[in-house]
């Protein structure tokens, strides 16, 4: 006698294991994507904060340079500015990569570390703020209107 096989509509163990393996792969990929998204958001916030600090420091330095009657770079991390009325302002890039401004009254303003390798270079009536790290040798030129006026 031949028995008729009755086909039941259930899943085989092999099909279940393959489905679970595929789900594990998808969840692992989704977890890595989520992790990469979080790291990108953190890096973006850190870069935005650094750009804001740099912009604030450069705005203040730009104001000081604009009115400077003399620009003296004593070393690549220190610049002394003398205004038309003889007052002196010192700007310094500290070893921890923070920027510091010491005003004529001795009051100091400090910008938190910026993770940038900044240095000062004088070029005539212009002060160059050079970033020597990657991307290589980017410079921002800040001009003194007083020194430009004297040159004419």
C-alpha atoms as a PDB file:
ATOM      1  CA  UNK A   1       0.000   0.000   0.000  1.00  0.00           C
ATOM      2  CA  UNK A   2       1.140   3.321  -0.866  1.00  0.00           C
ATOM      3  CA  UNK A   3       0.653   6.051   1.569  1.00  0.00           C
ATOM      4  CA  UNK A   4      -0.376   9.411   0.343  1.00  0.00           C
ATOM      5  CA  UNK A   5       1.696  12.127   1.722  1.00  0.00           C
ATOM      6  CA  UNK A   6      -0.241  14.909   3.224  1.00  0.00           C
ATOM      7  CA  UNK A   7       1.333  18.286   2.581  1.00  0.00           C
ATOM      8  CA  UNK A   8       0.988  20.625   5.475  1.00  0.00           C
ATOM      9  CA  UNK A   9       1.264  24.386   5.070  1.00  0.00           C
ATOM     10  CA  UNK A  10       3.963  24.937   7.772  1.00  0.00           C
ATOM     11  CA  UNK A  11       7.532  26.193   7.443  1.00  0.00           C
ATOM     12  CA  UNK A  12      10.492  23.921   7.361  1.00  0.00           C
ATOM     13  CA  UNK A  13      13.290  24.478   9.857  1.00  0.00           C
ATOM     14  CA  UNK A  14      15.681  25.382   7.009  1.00  0.00           C
ATOM     15  CA  UNK A  15      13.387  28.150   5.783  1.00  0.00           C
ATOM     16  CA  UNK A  16      13.059  29.522   9.306  1.00  0.00           C
ATOM     17  CA  UNK A  17      16.840  29.539   9.841  1.00  0.00           C
ATOM     18  CA  UNK A  18      17.453  31.256   6.510  1.00  0.00           C
ATOM     19  CA  UNK A  19      14.874  33.919   7.354  1.00  0.00           C
ATOM     20  CA  UNK A  20      16.441  34.499  10.778  1.00  0.00           C
ATOM     21  CA  UNK A  21      19.917  34.759   9.209  1.00  0.00           C
ATOM     22  CA  UNK A  22      18.677  37.298   6.686  1.00  0.00           C
ATOM     23  CA  UNK A  23      16.997  39.333   9.448  1.00  0.00           C
ATOM     24  CA  UNK A  24      20.178  39.249  11.555  1.00  0.00           C
ATOM     25  CA  UNK A  25      22.146  40.589   8.581  1.00  0.00           C
ATOM     26  CA  UNK A  26      19.618  43.385   7.962  1.00  0.00           C
ATOM     27  CA  UNK A  27      19.572  44.382  11.659  1.00  0.00           C
ATOM     28  CA  UNK A  28      23.375  44.389  11.823  1.00  0.00           C
ATOM     29  CA  UNK A  29      23.552  46.670   8.769  1.00  0.00           C
ATOM     30  CA  UNK A  30      20.869  48.955  10.229  1.00  0.00           C
ATOM     31  CA  UNK A  31      22.792  49.140  13.522  1.00  0.00           C
ATOM     32  CA  UNK A  32      25.985  50.162  11.743  1.00  0.00           C
ATOM     33  CA  UNK A  33      24.103  52.770   9.731  1.00  0.00           C
ATOM     34  CA  UNK A  34      22.592  54.176  12.933  1.00  0.00           C
ATOM     35  CA  UNK A  35      26.019  54.240  14.613  1.00  0.00           C
ATOM     36  CA  UNK A  36      27.583  56.029  11.621  1.00  0.00           C
ATOM     37  CA  UNK A  37      24.742  58.579  11.660  1.00  0.00           C
ATOM     38  CA  UNK A  38      25.328  59.346  15.341  1.00  0.00           C
ATOM     39  CA  UNK A  39      29.089  59.749  14.830  1.00  0.00           C
ATOM     40  CA  UNK A  40      28.467  62.070  11.874  1.00  0.00           C
ATOM     41  CA  UNK A  41      26.077  64.206  13.924  1.00  0.00           C
ATOM     42  CA  UNK A  42      28.633  64.481  16.751  1.00  0.00           C
ATOM     43  CA  UNK A  43      31.432  65.417  14.342  1.00  0.00           C
ATOM     44  CA  UNK A  44      29.197  67.971  12.647  1.00  0.00           C
ATOM     45  CA  UNK A  45      28.314  69.615  15.958  1.00  0.00           C
ATOM     46  CA  UNK A  46      31.996  69.689  16.975  1.00  0.00           C
ATOM     47  CA  UNK A  47      33.022  71.227  13.630  1.00  0.00           C
ATOM     48  CA  UNK A  48      30.240  73.816  13.837  1.00  0.00           C
ATOM     49  CA  UNK A  49      31.327  74.784  17.339  1.00  0.00           C
ATOM     50  CA  UNK A  50      34.956  75.100  16.226  1.00  0.00           C
ATOM     51  CA  UNK A  51      33.981  77.200  13.197  1.00  0.00           C
ATOM     52  CA  UNK A  52      31.961  79.493  15.450  1.00  0.00           C
ATOM     53  CA  UNK A  53      34.913  79.980  17.844  1.00  0.00           C
ATOM     54  CA  UNK A  54      37.287  80.671  14.946  1.00  0.00           C
ATOM     55  CA  UNK A  55      34.850  83.132  13.377  1.00  0.00           C
ATOM     56  CA  UNK A  56      34.442  84.986  16.673  1.00  0.00           C
ATOM     57  CA  UNK A  57      38.208  85.222  17.229  1.00  0.00           C
ATOM     58  CA  UNK A  58      38.869  86.351  13.645  1.00  0.00           C
ATOM     59  CA  UNK A  59      36.156  89.014  13.871  1.00  0.00           C
ATOM     60  CA  UNK A  60      37.834  90.518  16.933  1.00  0.00           C
ATOM     61  CA  UNK A  61      41.311  90.212  15.370  1.00  0.00           C
ATOM     62  CA  UNK A  62      40.027  91.819  12.156  1.00  0.00           C
ATOM     63  CA  UNK A  63      38.773  94.838  14.150  1.00  0.00           C
ATOM     64  CA  UNK A  64      42.136  95.193  15.901  1.00  0.00           C
ATOM     65  CA  UNK A  65      44.160  94.858  12.681  1.00  0.00           C
ATOM     66  CA  UNK A  66      41.953  97.351  10.837  1.00  0.00           C
ATOM     67  CA  UNK A  67      42.966 100.116  13.260  1.00  0.00           C
ATOM     68  CA  UNK A  68      46.589  99.029  13.807  1.00  0.00           C
ATOM     69  CA  UNK A  69      49.321 101.531  13.062  1.00  0.00           C
ATOM     70  CA  UNK A  70      51.996  98.873  13.513  1.00  0.00           C
ATOM     71  CA  UNK A  71      51.979  95.082  13.231  1.00  0.00           C
ATOM     72  CA  UNK A  72      54.876  93.235  14.826  1.00  0.00           C
ATOM     73  CA  UNK A  73      55.063  89.429  14.619  1.00  0.00           C
ATOM     74  CA  UNK A  74      57.563  88.430  17.312  1.00  0.00           C
ATOM     75  CA  UNK A  75      57.146  84.692  16.634  1.00  0.00           C
ATOM     76  CA  UNK A  76      54.669  82.675  14.549  1.00  0.00           C
ATOM     77  CA  UNK A  77      52.255  82.424  17.484  1.00  0.00           C
ATOM     78  CA  UNK A  78      52.375  86.017  18.776  1.00  0.00           C
ATOM     79  CA  UNK A  79      51.526  89.330  17.142  1.00  0.00           C
ATOM     80  CA  UNK A  80      51.690  92.788  18.754  1.00  0.00           C
ATOM     81  CA  UNK A  81      49.468  95.511  17.370  1.00  0.00           C
ATOM     82  CA  UNK A  82      49.971  99.191  18.096  1.00  0.00           C
ATOM     83  CA  UNK A  83      46.986 101.444  17.489  1.00  0.00           C
ATOM     84  CA  UNK A  84      47.261 105.030  16.262  1.00  0.00           C
ATOM     85  CA  UNK A  85      46.958 106.328  19.839  1.00  0.00           C
ATOM     86  CA  UNK A  86      49.895 104.154  20.998  1.00  0.00           C
ATOM     87  CA  UNK A  87      47.895 101.478  22.819  1.00  0.00           C
ATOM     88  CA  UNK A  88      49.133  97.925  22.407  1.00  0.00           C
ATOM     89  CA  UNK A  89      47.142  94.747  21.855  1.00  0.00           C
ATOM     90  CA  UNK A  90      48.779  91.309  21.907  1.00  0.00           C
ATOM     91  CA  UNK A  91      47.330  88.260  20.172  1.00  0.00           C
ATOM     92  CA  UNK A  92      48.690  84.819  20.973  1.00  0.00           C
ATOM     93  CA  UNK A  93      48.024  81.267  19.838  1.00  0.00           C
ATOM     94  CA  UNK A  94      48.649  79.169  22.946  1.00  0.00           C
ATOM     95  CA  UNK A  95      50.198  75.663  22.888  1.00  0.00           C
ATOM     96  CA  UNK A  96      46.748  74.142  23.531  1.00  0.00           C
ATOM     97  CA  UNK A  97      45.520  75.788  20.246  1.00  0.00           C
ATOM     98  CA  UNK A  98      43.426  78.387  22.061  1.00  0.00           C
ATOM     99  CA  UNK A  99      43.565  82.020  20.947  1.00  0.00           C
ATOM    100  CA  UNK A 100      44.138  84.823  23.429  1.00  0.00           C
ATOM    101  CA  UNK A 101      43.793  88.598  23.138  1.00  0.00           C
ATOM    102  CA  UNK A 102      45.405  90.848  25.732  1.00  0.00           C
ATOM    103  CA  UNK A 103      43.928  94.321  25.432  1.00  0.00           C
ATOM    104  CA  UNK A 104      45.513  97.697  26.223  1.00  0.00           C
ATOM    105  CA  UNK A 105      44.136  97.614  29.767  1.00  0.00           C
ATOM    106  CA  UNK A 106      45.649  94.152  30.398  1.00  0.00           C
ATOM    107  CA  UNK A 107      42.273  92.455  30.167  1.00  0.00           C
ATOM    108  CA  UNK A 108      42.521  89.054  28.536  1.00  0.00           C
ATOM    109  CA  UNK A 109      39.968  87.341  26.306  1.00  0.00           C
ATOM    110  CA  UNK A 110      40.440  83.671  25.475  1.00  0.00           C
ATOM    111  CA  UNK A 111      38.851  81.504  22.805  1.00  0.00           C
ATOM    112  CA  UNK A 112      38.725  77.787  23.562  1.00  0.00           C
ATOM    113  CA  UNK A 113      41.068  75.427  21.630  1.00  0.00           C
ATOM    114  CA  UNK A 114      40.204  75.194  17.948  1.00  0.00           C
ATOM    115  CA  UNK A 115      42.103  72.059  16.900  1.00  0.00           C
ATOM    116  CA  UNK A 116      43.826  74.116  14.210  1.00  0.00           C
ATOM    117  CA  UNK A 117      47.506  74.807  13.656  1.00  0.00           C
ATOM    118  CA  UNK A 118      47.361  78.592  13.306  1.00  0.00           C
ATOM    119  CA  UNK A 119      50.304  80.943  12.935  1.00  0.00           C
ATOM    120  CA  UNK A 120      50.808  84.622  12.088  1.00  0.00           C
ATOM    121  CA  UNK A 121      52.786  85.987   9.129  1.00  0.00           C
ATOM    122  CA  UNK A 122      53.210  89.685   8.302  1.00  0.00           C
ATOM    123  CA  UNK A 123      53.037  90.715   4.677  1.00  0.00           C
ATOM    124  CA  UNK A 124      53.359  94.494   4.374  1.00  0.00           C
ATOM    125  CA  UNK A 125      50.170  96.120   5.683  1.00  0.00           C
ATOM    126  CA  UNK A 126      48.537  92.700   5.930  1.00  0.00           C
ATOM    127  CA  UNK A 127      48.578  90.059   8.643  1.00  0.00           C
ATOM    128  CA  UNK A 128      48.105  86.534   7.373  1.00  0.00           C
ATOM    129  CA  UNK A 129      46.547  83.982   9.701  1.00  0.00           C
ATOM    130  CA  UNK A 130      47.841  80.727   8.248  1.00  0.00           C
ATOM    131  CA  UNK A 131      46.501  77.250   8.960  1.00  0.00           C
ATOM    132  CA  UNK A 132      49.386  74.897   8.235  1.00  0.00           C
ATOM    133  CA  UNK A 133      47.543  71.616   8.886  1.00  0.00           C
ATOM    134  CA  UNK A 134      45.434  69.673   6.422  1.00  0.00           C
ATOM    135  CA  UNK A 135      44.116  70.964   4.066  1.00  0.00           C
ATOM    136  CA  UNK A 136      47.531  72.501   3.569  1.00  0.00           C
ATOM    137  CA  UNK A 137      48.448  76.167   3.974  1.00  0.00           C
ATOM    138  CA  UNK A 138      45.182  78.031   3.943  1.00  0.00           C
ATOM    139  CA  UNK A 139      45.524  81.711   4.849  1.00  0.00           C
ATOM    140  CA  UNK A 140      43.188  84.529   5.825  1.00  0.00           C
ATOM    141  CA  UNK A 141      44.453  88.020   5.046  1.00  0.00           C
ATOM    142  CA  UNK A 142      43.597  90.822   7.486  1.00  0.00           C
ATOM    143  CA  UNK A 143      44.426  94.349   6.343  1.00  0.00           C
ATOM    144  CA  UNK A 144      45.249  97.497   8.328  1.00  0.00           C
ATOM    145  CA  UNK A 145      43.603 100.607   6.898  1.00  0.00           C
ATOM    146  CA  UNK A 146      46.113 102.791   8.760  1.00  0.00           C
ATOM    147  CA  UNK A 147      49.117 101.072   7.167  1.00  0.00           C
ATOM    148  CA  UNK A 148      47.491 101.167   3.730  1.00  0.00           C
ATOM    149  CA  UNK A 149      46.904 104.915   4.178  1.00  0.00           C
ATOM    150  CA  UNK A 150      50.552 105.470   5.101  1.00  0.00           C
ATOM    151  CA  UNK A 151      51.764 103.562   2.048  1.00  0.00           C
ATOM    152  CA  UNK A 152      49.977 105.942  -0.329  1.00  0.00           C
END
